[in-house]
Amino acid sequence: MKAIEQLLWSIALPGFGQILNRKYFKGALFIFLEFVINTQSRFNEAIRLSFLGNTHEASHIIDFEWLMFYPCLYFYAMWDAFKDAGGGKTPYSFLPFVFSAYFVTVGLMYSSHVTFLGIFFGPIWLPMLFVIPGICIGRLLQILLLKFHTPHQ
């Protein structure tokens, strides 16, 4: 249960899970990096605009070069907090986190160009939707590796 709590706090803000795990330096570092990337990319404003339905405006104000750092930071902080709290004991349990970071990054790259059924999801909603295939492919790969490959510890 503790690992899930730290995971959920890390979803809320990278670094919170580390602080709950008493990894204060690491937690402060993740919060600092979150703040820098968030500020430089104008991520919070893009989130606000997207929630208001202004996805085209969000796409125009976002700094993609800065925001490209965010998915890896975000998912690594989640994995780290989860692992440090005792989660992730199953071999290859990092794979859903890693593949989510990959897929969200790809979703972010295409977010200013893709519409689906006439809907423009923009730089917030499209990357969030890409978490789903990231988790699924990461979990599938984990299952296949557990079935066909014995991990070396």
Protein backbone atom coordinates (compact mmCIF):
# COMPACT_ATOMS: atom_id res chain seq x y z
CA MET A 1 0.00 0.00 0.00
CA LYS A 2 2.88 2.38 0.79
CA ALA A 3 4.28 2.00 -2.74
CA ILE A 4 0.92 2.95 -4.27
CA GLU A 5 0.71 6.03 -2.03
CA GLN A 6 4.18 7.20 -3.09
CA LEU A 7 3.32 6.50 -6.72
CA LEU A 8 0.15 8.58 -6.50
CA TRP A 9 1.99 11.48 -4.83
CA SER A 10 4.61 11.34 -7.59
CA ILE A 11 1.84 11.53 -10.17
CA ALA A 12 0.62 14.67 -8.40
CA LEU A 13 4.10 16.23 -8.41
CA PRO A 14 7.44 14.57 -9.16
CA GLY A 15 9.49 14.65 -5.98
CA PHE A 16 6.65 14.26 -3.48
CA GLY A 17 6.99 10.48 -3.45
CA GLN A 18 10.73 10.79 -2.82
CA ILE A 19 10.10 13.15 0.11
CA LEU A 20 7.63 10.65 1.59
CA ASN A 21 10.34 8.01 1.16
CA ARG A 22 12.72 10.31 3.10
CA LYS A 23 14.93 10.82 0.06
CA TYR A 24 14.96 14.58 0.61
CA PHE A 25 17.76 15.55 -1.76
CA LYS A 26 16.33 13.48 -4.60
CA GLY A 27 12.83 14.82 -3.89
CA ALA A 28 14.04 18.41 -3.86
CA LEU A 29 15.94 17.80 -7.11
CA PHE A 30 12.84 16.40 -8.84
CA ILE A 31 10.70 19.30 -7.59
CA PHE A 32 13.33 21.79 -8.79
CA LEU A 33 13.55 20.14 -12.23
CA GLU A 34 9.74 20.02 -12.41
CA PHE A 35 9.60 23.75 -11.63
CA VAL A 36 12.27 24.65 -14.21
CA ILE A 37 10.79 22.56 -17.03
CA ASN A 38 7.26 23.64 -16.14
CA THR A 39 8.17 27.32 -16.15
CA GLN A 40 10.38 27.27 -19.23
CA SER A 41 7.89 25.27 -21.30
CA ARG A 42 4.81 27.23 -20.11
CA PHE A 43 3.31 23.84 -19.27
CA ASN A 44 0.86 25.04 -16.60
CA GLU A 45 -0.60 27.64 -18.94
CA ALA A 46 -0.98 24.99 -21.66
CA ILE A 47 -2.74 22.72 -19.15
CA ARG A 48 -5.09 25.55 -18.18
CA LEU A 49 -5.87 26.38 -21.80
CA SER A 50 -6.41 22.72 -22.67
CA PHE A 51 -8.84 22.23 -19.81
CA LEU A 52 -10.74 25.25 -21.09
CA GLY A 53 -10.91 23.68 -24.56
CA ASN A 54 -8.36 26.01 -26.17
CA THR A 55 -6.04 23.27 -27.42
CA HIS A 56 -4.85 25.24 -30.47
CA GLU A 57 -3.82 28.15 -28.26
CA ALA A 58 -2.09 25.72 -25.88
CA SER A 59 -0.15 24.31 -28.81
CA HIS A 60 1.01 27.79 -29.84
CA ILE A 61 2.23 28.93 -26.42
CA ILE A 62 4.04 25.75 -25.38
CA ASP A 63 7.83 25.51 -25.73
CA PHE A 64 8.22 21.98 -27.06
CA GLU A 65 12.01 21.96 -26.69
CA TRP A 66 11.66 22.35 -22.93
CA LEU A 67 8.58 20.16 -22.58
CA MET A 68 10.32 17.23 -24.30
CA PHE A 69 12.28 16.71 -21.05
CA TYR A 70 9.12 16.30 -19.00
CA PRO A 71 7.89 12.76 -19.85
CA CYS A 72 11.16 11.08 -18.85
CA LEU A 73 11.47 13.12 -15.66
CA TYR A 74 7.85 12.47 -14.77
CA PHE A 75 7.82 8.71 -15.33
CA TYR A 76 11.27 8.19 -13.83
CA ALA A 77 10.23 10.05 -10.67
CA MET A 78 7.11 7.87 -10.47
CA TRP A 79 9.12 4.67 -10.90
CA ASP A 80 11.77 5.77 -8.42
CA ALA A 81 9.26 6.63 -5.69
CA PHE A 82 7.33 3.40 -6.29
CA LYS A 83 10.51 1.27 -6.23
CA ASP A 84 11.96 2.98 -3.13
CA ALA A 85 8.69 2.40 -1.27
CA GLY A 86 8.93 -1.35 -1.88
CA GLY A 87 7.03 -1.68 -5.15
CA GLY A 88 8.35 -3.11 -8.36
CA LYS A 89 9.68 -6.38 -6.93
CA THR A 90 8.60 -8.33 -10.02
CA PRO A 91 11.37 -8.47 -12.64
CA TYR A 92 10.97 -6.01 -15.48
CA SER A 93 8.32 -4.03 -13.58
CA PHE A 94 9.97 -0.83 -14.78
CA LEU A 95 8.90 -1.51 -18.38
CA PRO A 96 5.39 0.04 -18.20
CA PHE A 97 6.96 3.24 -16.81
CA VAL A 98 9.71 3.32 -19.45
CA PHE A 99 7.37 2.66 -22.36
CA SER A 100 4.94 5.27 -21.04
CA ALA A 101 7.76 7.82 -21.09
CA TYR A 102 8.64 6.81 -24.66
CA PHE A 103 5.06 6.94 -25.92
CA VAL A 104 4.22 10.23 -24.18
CA THR A 105 7.33 11.77 -25.75
CA VAL A 106 6.22 10.58 -29.20
CA GLY A 107 2.69 11.83 -28.50
CA LEU A 108 4.12 15.20 -27.58
CA MET A 109 6.15 15.36 -30.80
CA TYR A 110 3.05 14.75 -32.93
CA SER A 111 0.60 16.70 -30.77
CA SER A 112 0.70 19.89 -32.81
CA HIS A 113 -0.04 18.03 -36.08
CA VAL A 114 -2.54 15.29 -35.27
CA THR A 115 -6.31 15.42 -35.28
CA PHE A 116 -8.45 12.37 -34.65
CA LEU A 117 -12.03 12.30 -35.93
CA GLY A 118 -11.76 16.05 -36.40
CA ILE A 119 -10.62 16.64 -32.81
CA PHE A 120 -7.35 18.44 -32.10
CA PHE A 121 -6.14 17.13 -28.74
CA GLY A 122 -3.06 19.35 -28.53
CA PRO A 123 0.08 19.12 -26.38
CA ILE A 124 -1.69 18.06 -23.18
CA TRP A 125 -4.43 15.59 -24.09
CA LEU A 126 -2.70 13.69 -26.93
CA PRO A 127 0.42 12.82 -24.88
CA MET A 128 -1.83 11.80 -21.99
CA LEU A 129 -3.69 9.43 -24.32
CA PHE A 130 -0.34 7.94 -25.37
CA VAL A 131 0.18 6.71 -21.79
CA ILE A 132 -2.34 3.94 -22.51
CA PRO A 133 -0.37 2.17 -25.29
CA GLY A 134 2.83 2.82 -23.33
CA ILE A 135 1.55 0.97 -20.27
CA CYS A 136 0.03 -1.81 -22.39
CA ILE A 137 3.15 -2.44 -24.49
CA GLY A 138 5.43 -2.16 -21.46
CA ARG A 139 3.28 -4.63 -19.52
CA LEU A 140 3.03 -7.01 -22.50
CA LEU A 141 6.80 -6.94 -22.91
CA GLN A 142 7.19 -7.58 -19.18
CA ILE A 143 4.87 -10.61 -19.39
CA LEU A 144 6.69 -11.99 -22.44
CA LEU A 145 10.10 -11.54 -20.85
CA LEU A 146 8.93 -13.22 -17.65
CA LYS A 147 7.59 -16.13 -19.67
CA PHE A 148 10.54 -16.63 -22.01
CA HIS A 149 13.57 -15.13 -20.26
CA THR A 150 14.95 -15.65 -16.79
CA PRO A 151 16.32 -12.33 -15.47
CA HIS A 152 19.87 -12.29 -14.09
CA GLN A 153 20.02 -10.67 -10.69
